[in-house]
Structure formats: structure tokens, C-alpha cells
C-alpha atoms as a PDB file:
ATOM      1  CA  SER A   1       0.006   0.072   0.268  1.00  0.00           C
ATOM      2  CA  ASN A   2       1.088   3.494  -0.577  1.00  0.00           C
ATOM      3  CA  GLU A   3       0.303   4.413   2.991  1.00  0.00           C
ATOM      4  CA  SER A   4       2.563   2.052   4.367  1.00  0.00           C
ATOM      5  CA  PRO A   5       5.075   3.361   6.969  1.00  0.00           C
ATOM      6  CA  GLU A   6       7.961   2.610   4.491  1.00  0.00           C
ATOM      7  CA  PHE A   7       6.408   4.553   1.661  1.00  0.00           C
ATOM      8  CA  ILE A   8       5.598   7.494   3.884  1.00  0.00           C
ATOM      9  CA  LYS A   9       9.085   7.459   5.262  1.00  0.00           C
ATOM     10  CA  LYS A  10      10.514   7.747   1.575  1.00  0.00           C
ATOM     11  CA  SER A  11       8.146  10.131   0.504  1.00  0.00           C
ATOM     12  CA  GLU A  12       8.755  12.520   3.385  1.00  0.00           C
ATOM     13  CA  SER A  13      12.449  12.593   2.248  1.00  0.00           C
ATOM     14  CA  VAL A  14      11.238  14.048  -1.088  1.00  0.00           C
ATOM     15  CA  LEU A  15       8.194  15.918  -0.255  1.00  0.00           C
ATOM     16  CA  GLY A  16       8.560  16.757   3.428  1.00  0.00           C
ATOM     17  CA  GLU A  17       6.785  15.662   6.564  1.00  0.00           C
ATOM     18  CA  TYR A  18       4.134  18.283   6.754  1.00  0.00           C
ATOM     19  CA  ARG A  19       3.262  17.552   3.096  1.00  0.00           C
ATOM     20  CA  MET A  20       3.052  13.834   3.372  1.00  0.00           C
ATOM     21  CA  ARG A  21       0.867  14.382   6.634  1.00  0.00           C
ATOM     22  CA  CYS A  22      -1.659  16.430   4.514  1.00  0.00           C
ATOM     23  CA  PHE A  23      -1.370  14.080   1.446  1.00  0.00           C
ATOM     24  CA  VAL A  24      -2.612  11.014   3.432  1.00  0.00           C
ATOM     25  CA  SER A  25      -5.060  13.263   5.621  1.00  0.00           C
ATOM     26  CA  ARG A  26      -8.744  12.134   5.742  1.00  0.00           C
ATOM     27  CA  ASN A  27      -9.341  15.973   4.919  1.00  0.00           C
ATOM     28  CA  TRP A  28      -9.778  16.402   1.211  1.00  0.00           C
ATOM     29  CA  VAL A  29      -8.961  19.965   1.267  1.00  0.00           C
ATOM     30  CA  LEU A  30      -5.305  19.245   2.804  1.00  0.00           C
ATOM     31  CA  ARG A  31      -4.980  16.278   0.120  1.00  0.00           C
ATOM     32  CA  GLU A  32      -5.817  18.765  -2.574  1.00  0.00           C
ATOM     33  CA  ALA A  33      -3.388  21.430  -1.026  1.00  0.00           C
ATOM     34  CA  ALA A  34      -0.458  18.825  -0.788  1.00  0.00           C
ATOM     35  CA  LEU A  35      -0.976  17.975  -4.545  1.00  0.00           C
ATOM     36  CA  THR A  36      -0.899  21.879  -5.420  1.00  0.00           C
ATOM     37  CA  LYS A  37       2.378  22.524  -3.496  1.00  0.00           C
ATOM     38  CA  ILE A  38       3.887  19.231  -5.043  1.00  0.00           C
ATOM     39  CA  SER A  39       2.821  20.676  -8.407  1.00  0.00           C
ATOM     40  CA  MET A  40       5.133  23.987  -7.405  1.00  0.00           C
ATOM     41  CA  MET A  41       8.059  21.692  -6.217  1.00  0.00           C
ATOM     42  CA  LEU A  42       8.112  19.515  -9.677  1.00  0.00           C
ATOM     43  CA  PRO A  43      10.821  21.559 -11.213  1.00  0.00           C
ATOM     44  CA  ASP A  44      13.180  21.132  -8.252  1.00  0.00           C
ATOM     45  CA  ILE A  45      12.377  17.626  -7.846  1.00  0.00           C
ATOM     46  CA  LEU A  46      12.700  16.454 -11.345  1.00  0.00           C
ATOM     47  CA  ASN A  47      15.392  18.825 -12.616  1.00  0.00           C
ATOM     48  CA  ASP A  48      18.106  17.202 -10.724  1.00  0.00           C
ATOM     49  CA  HIS A  49      17.249  13.841 -12.570  1.00  0.00           C
ATOM     50  CA  ASP A  50      16.673  11.966  -9.341  1.00  0.00           C
ATOM     51  CA  LEU A  51      15.197   8.916 -10.467  1.00  0.00           C
ATOM     52  CA  ASP A  52      14.391   7.678  -6.908  1.00  0.00           C
ATOM     53  CA  ALA A  53      12.702  10.951  -6.082  1.00  0.00           C
ATOM     54  CA  ALA A  54      10.959  10.892  -9.226  1.00  0.00           C
ATOM     55  CA  SER A  55       9.573   7.291  -8.815  1.00  0.00           C
ATOM     56  CA  ILE A  56       8.443   8.218  -5.290  1.00  0.00           C
ATOM     57  CA  LEU A  57       6.488  11.195  -6.875  1.00  0.00           C
ATOM     58  CA  CYS A  58       4.650   8.912  -9.311  1.00  0.00           C
ATOM     59  CA  ALA A  59       3.920   6.339  -6.559  1.00  0.00           C
ATOM     60  CA  ALA A  60       2.473   9.230  -4.608  1.00  0.00           C
ATOM     61  CA  LEU A  61       0.511  10.539  -7.657  1.00  0.00           C
ATOM     62  CA  GLU A  62      -0.985   7.154  -8.476  1.00  0.00           C
ATOM     63  CA  HIS A  63      -2.489   7.118  -4.910  1.00  0.00           C
ATOM     64  CA  ALA A  64      -4.090  10.416  -5.506  1.00  0.00           C
ATOM     65  CA  VAL A  65      -5.316   9.426  -8.928  1.00  0.00           C
ATOM     66  CA  TYR A  66      -7.806   7.001  -7.147  1.00  0.00           C
ATOM     67  CA  ASP A  67      -9.046   9.489  -4.742  1.00  0.00           C
ATOM     68  CA  ARG A  68     -12.859   9.385  -4.248  1.00  0.00           C
ATOM     69  CA  ILE A  69     -13.112  13.260  -4.034  1.00  0.00           C
ATOM     70  CA  VAL A  70     -13.407  14.832  -7.495  1.00  0.00           C
ATOM     71  CA  GLN A  71     -11.327  17.882  -6.677  1.00  0.00           C
ATOM     72  CA  VAL A  72      -8.277  15.818  -5.424  1.00  0.00           C
ATOM     73  CA  PHE A  73      -8.762  13.602  -8.572  1.00  0.00           C
ATOM     74  CA  LEU A  74      -8.722  16.443 -11.016  1.00  0.00           C
ATOM     75  CA  THR A  75      -5.835  18.075  -8.977  1.00  0.00           C
ATOM     76  CA  SER A  76      -4.021  14.888  -9.259  1.00  0.00           C
ATOM     77  CA  LEU A  77      -4.487  14.753 -13.128  1.00  0.00           C
ATOM     78  CA  ILE A  78      -3.264  18.297 -13.534  1.00  0.00           C
ATOM     79  CA  VAL A  79       0.056  17.281 -11.618  1.00  0.00           C
ATOM     80  CA  LEU A  80       0.245  14.182 -13.590  1.00  0.00           C
ATOM     81  CA  ASP A  81       0.306  16.389 -16.846  1.00  0.00           C
ATOM     82  CA  GLU A  82       2.742  18.301 -15.441  1.00  0.00           C
ATOM     83  CA  ILE A  83       4.804  15.410 -14.358  1.00  0.00           C
ATOM     84  CA  VAL A  84       4.476  14.121 -18.003  1.00  0.00           C
ATOM     85  CA  LEU A  85       5.776  17.490 -19.638  1.00  0.00           C
ATOM     86  CA  ALA A  86       8.653  17.652 -17.215  1.00  0.00           C
ATOM     87  CA  PHE A  87       9.712  14.069 -18.388  1.00  0.00           C
ATOM     88  CA  GLU A  88       9.466  15.269 -21.907  1.00  0.00           C
ATOM     89  CA  ASN A  89      11.495  18.380 -21.429  1.00  0.00           C
ATOM     90  CA  GLY A  90      13.997  16.436 -18.872  1.00  0.00           C
ATOM     91  CA  ASN A  91      16.890  14.342 -19.640  1.00  0.00           C
ATOM     92  CA  PHE A  92      14.789  11.122 -18.543  1.00  0.00           C
ATOM     93  CA  SER A  93      15.056   8.193 -21.038  1.00  0.00           C
ATOM     94  CA  ARG A  94      11.682   6.500 -22.321  1.00  0.00           C
ATOM     95  CA  LYS A  95      12.586   3.523 -20.609  1.00  0.00           C
ATOM     96  CA  GLU A  96      12.848   5.350 -17.144  1.00  0.00           C
ATOM     97  CA  VAL A  97       9.853   6.937 -17.549  1.00  0.00           C
ATOM     98  CA  ILE A  98       7.729   3.879 -18.375  1.00  0.00           C
ATOM     99  CA  GLN A  99       9.063   2.159 -15.489  1.00  0.00           C
ATOM    100  CA  MET A 100       8.208   5.075 -13.145  1.00  0.00           C
ATOM    101  CA  LEU A 101       4.653   5.354 -14.471  1.00  0.00           C
ATOM    102  CA  GLU A 102       3.987   1.640 -14.479  1.00  0.00           C
END
């Protein structure tokens, strides 16, 4: 599960403890706010070509795409689009991107 302690600990190293607490919150407004902040962090996370950080980001987004709240789902789609654009504009190989998005 993406809410396992291991996943949360890894994600906190990339996204920060507070953002991860918001991301897994029962309050949908906090989940949506965390996604919005993650969107703003994308250039910094992906410009370093850090495959581990990018993989964690994709795993977190996979969790968000299945959110039952429409606003969170829509925000996650916006972030997904931004990630795909960042991958296209970055130095990630097709193989790396496919592995992260599987």
C-alpha cells in the first residue's frame, strides 16, 4: 500500500513531513493542497534527474489518482500532466519514464 510506513518515510524525504501528512489526511482539502504544493515543487524535484525522487513522486500520484473526491482527482490529473511534460522536457529516457509510470 502507498500508505505503508516505508512509503511515507521515503516520500517524506522528497516531499517533506508536513506535506505527506496533508497528502494522506482524511481531509480532502489538505490532500488537494498537498498536490498543489507538489506541483510547485516539480521543477526542483525533477531537474536534478533524481530517479528515486521521481519514482516516489509517481507512486504518490498513483495513490492520488484513485481519490474518491473529485477535486483531489482533478488536481492529481493536472499534476500528472505536469509530470509528463517535465519528463518530456527533461533528460529522462523513455525506459526510465515507463518504469516510473507503471
